[in-house]
Amino acid sequence: MPQVFKIGSYWVYFCSDENEPLEPIHVHVSQGRPVKNATKIWITKHGKCYLCHNSSNIPEHILNNIIRVLEARSSEIIEKWKNFFGKIDYYC
């Protein structure tokens, strides 16, 4: 699972075995190392975030801070996605 970066004790990462066809750009977030049922956050074409689900049960105040960091670093996430998967689609 390619790590994009860390935010404190939370890992932000891609799953290397994403579905075929490739899902729109998103990241998974979990505390500590990657887990199967991690929180999933879509990245929009305008660099905003859309919470798909919070399966990791990250507390709301922490999740809001993580989303702010993801939005601030969205261009970095998009670039890493393109480099890793070779193409990109957006949820919205």
C-alpha atoms as a PDB file:
ATOM      1  CA  MET A   1       0.000   0.000   0.000  1.00  0.00           C
ATOM      2  CA  PRO A   2       1.806   3.107  -1.178  1.00  0.00           C
ATOM      3  CA  GLN A   3       1.968   5.694   1.589  1.00  0.00           C
ATOM      4  CA  VAL A   4       1.237   9.204   0.360  1.00  0.00           C
ATOM      5  CA  PHE A   5       2.247  10.876   3.630  1.00  0.00           C
ATOM      6  CA  LYS A   6       1.523  10.855   7.351  1.00  0.00           C
ATOM      7  CA  ILE A   7      -0.472  13.309   9.431  1.00  0.00           C
ATOM      8  CA  GLY A   8       0.615  12.722  13.002  1.00  0.00           C
ATOM      9  CA  SER A   9      -0.158   9.067  13.750  1.00  0.00           C
ATOM     10  CA  TYR A  10      -2.508   8.763  10.739  1.00  0.00           C
ATOM     11  CA  TRP A  11      -1.349   7.234   7.462  1.00  0.00           C
ATOM     12  CA  VAL A  12      -2.694   8.520   4.150  1.00  0.00           C
ATOM     13  CA  TYR A  13      -2.261   5.920   1.414  1.00  0.00           C
ATOM     14  CA  PHE A  14      -3.487   4.334  -1.806  1.00  0.00           C
ATOM     15  CA  CYS A  15      -4.400   0.679  -2.174  1.00  0.00           C
ATOM     16  CA  SER A  16      -2.244  -0.853  -4.882  1.00  0.00           C
ATOM     17  CA  ASP A  17      -4.980  -3.322  -5.826  1.00  0.00           C
ATOM     18  CA  GLU A  18      -7.747  -0.823  -6.663  1.00  0.00           C
ATOM     19  CA  ASN A  19     -10.676  -2.171  -8.663  1.00  0.00           C
ATOM     20  CA  GLU A  20     -10.730  -2.543 -12.437  1.00  0.00           C
ATOM     21  CA  PRO A  21     -11.707  -0.259 -13.909  1.00  0.00           C
ATOM     22  CA  LEU A  22      -9.676   2.026 -11.703  1.00  0.00           C
ATOM     23  CA  GLU A  23     -11.804   3.944  -9.210  1.00  0.00           C
ATOM     24  CA  PRO A  24     -11.722   7.753  -9.167  1.00  0.00           C
ATOM     25  CA  ILE A  25      -8.920   9.325  -7.154  1.00  0.00           C
ATOM     26  CA  HIS A  26      -9.200   8.794  -3.416  1.00  0.00           C
ATOM     27  CA  VAL A  27      -7.081   8.094  -0.373  1.00  0.00           C
ATOM     28  CA  HIS A  28      -7.465   5.782   2.584  1.00  0.00           C
ATOM     29  CA  VAL A  29      -6.702   7.004   6.086  1.00  0.00           C
ATOM     30  CA  SER A  30      -6.060   4.927   9.187  1.00  0.00           C
ATOM     31  CA  GLN A  31      -4.284   5.371  12.480  1.00  0.00           C
ATOM     32  CA  GLY A  32      -1.018   3.494  12.387  1.00  0.00           C
ATOM     33  CA  ARG A  33      -0.357   1.164   9.513  1.00  0.00           C
ATOM     34  CA  PRO A  34      -2.856   0.476   6.701  1.00  0.00           C
ATOM     35  CA  VAL A  35      -5.922  -1.609   7.498  1.00  0.00           C
ATOM     36  CA  LYS A  36      -8.564  -3.265   5.354  1.00  0.00           C
ATOM     37  CA  ASN A  37     -11.502  -1.110   6.501  1.00  0.00           C
ATOM     38  CA  ALA A  38      -9.847   2.310   6.450  1.00  0.00           C
ATOM     39  CA  THR A  39     -11.627   5.619   6.063  1.00  0.00           C
ATOM     40  CA  LYS A  40     -12.010   6.551   2.378  1.00  0.00           C
ATOM     41  CA  ILE A  41     -11.911  10.115   1.078  1.00  0.00           C
ATOM     42  CA  TRP A  42     -12.479  11.156  -2.557  1.00  0.00           C
ATOM     43  CA  ILE A  43     -10.414  14.005  -4.035  1.00  0.00           C
ATOM     44  CA  THR A  44     -12.375  16.238  -6.419  1.00  0.00           C
ATOM     45  CA  LYS A  45     -10.992  17.832  -9.577  1.00  0.00           C
ATOM     46  CA  HIS A  46     -10.992  21.167  -7.718  1.00  0.00           C
ATOM     47  CA  GLY A  47      -8.833  19.782  -4.884  1.00  0.00           C
ATOM     48  CA  LYS A  48     -11.618  19.463  -2.338  1.00  0.00           C
ATOM     49  CA  CYS A  49     -12.382  16.335  -0.325  1.00  0.00           C
ATOM     50  CA  TYR A  50     -15.569  14.312  -0.102  1.00  0.00           C
ATOM     51  CA  LEU A  51     -15.878  11.730   2.667  1.00  0.00           C
ATOM     52  CA  CYS A  52     -16.932   8.379   1.232  1.00  0.00           C
ATOM     53  CA  HIS A  53     -17.021   6.590   4.601  1.00  0.00           C
ATOM     54  CA  ASN A  54     -15.354   6.695   7.985  1.00  0.00           C
ATOM     55  CA  SER A  55     -14.877   2.967   8.562  1.00  0.00           C
ATOM     56  CA  SER A  56     -11.844   3.642  10.774  1.00  0.00           C
ATOM     57  CA  ASN A  57     -14.085   5.621  13.147  1.00  0.00           C
ATOM     58  CA  ILE A  58     -11.707   8.573  13.226  1.00  0.00           C
ATOM     59  CA  PRO A  59     -13.114  11.130  15.688  1.00  0.00           C
ATOM     60  CA  GLU A  60     -14.898  13.953  13.851  1.00  0.00           C
ATOM     61  CA  HIS A  61     -12.621  16.769  15.045  1.00  0.00           C
ATOM     62  CA  ILE A  62      -9.524  14.829  13.944  1.00  0.00           C
ATOM     63  CA  LEU A  63     -11.126  13.830  10.643  1.00  0.00           C
ATOM     64  CA  ASN A  64     -11.961  17.483   9.916  1.00  0.00           C
ATOM     65  CA  ASN A  65      -8.306  18.418  10.488  1.00  0.00           C
ATOM     66  CA  ILE A  66      -7.133  15.576   8.243  1.00  0.00           C
ATOM     67  CA  ILE A  67      -9.493  16.722   5.491  1.00  0.00           C
ATOM     68  CA  ARG A  68      -8.102  20.270   5.737  1.00  0.00           C
ATOM     69  CA  VAL A  69      -4.565  18.904   5.300  1.00  0.00           C
ATOM     70  CA  LEU A  70      -5.656  16.731   2.357  1.00  0.00           C
ATOM     71  CA  GLU A  71      -7.237  19.720   0.639  1.00  0.00           C
ATOM     72  CA  ALA A  72      -4.124  21.829   1.223  1.00  0.00           C
ATOM     73  CA  ARG A  73      -1.960  19.059  -0.248  1.00  0.00           C
ATOM     74  CA  SER A  74      -4.378  17.869  -2.942  1.00  0.00           C
ATOM     75  CA  SER A  75      -2.036  18.725  -5.837  1.00  0.00           C
ATOM     76  CA  GLU A  76       0.620  16.484  -4.263  1.00  0.00           C
ATOM     77  CA  ILE A  77      -1.916  13.647  -3.878  1.00  0.00           C
ATOM     78  CA  ILE A  78      -3.075  14.046  -7.486  1.00  0.00           C
ATOM     79  CA  GLU A  79       0.501  13.964  -8.775  1.00  0.00           C
ATOM     80  CA  LYS A  80       1.346  10.852  -6.741  1.00  0.00           C
ATOM     81  CA  TRP A  81      -1.839   9.128  -7.977  1.00  0.00           C
ATOM     82  CA  LYS A  82      -0.936   9.879 -11.620  1.00  0.00           C
ATOM     83  CA  ASN A  83       2.626   8.626 -11.091  1.00  0.00           C
ATOM     84  CA  PHE A  84       1.494   5.426  -9.387  1.00  0.00           C
ATOM     85  CA  PHE A  85      -1.556   4.458 -11.460  1.00  0.00           C
ATOM     86  CA  GLY A  86      -0.675   6.188 -14.743  1.00  0.00           C
ATOM     87  CA  LYS A  87      -4.119   7.767 -15.156  1.00  0.00           C
ATOM     88  CA  ILE A  88      -6.720   9.651 -13.195  1.00  0.00           C
ATOM     89  CA  ASP A  89     -10.483  10.071 -13.009  1.00  0.00           C
ATOM     90  CA  TYR A  90     -12.432  12.168 -10.539  1.00  0.00           C
ATOM     91  CA  TYR A  91     -15.559  11.365  -8.522  1.00  0.00           C
ATOM     92  CA  CYS A  92     -16.752  14.921  -9.097  1.00  0.00           C
END
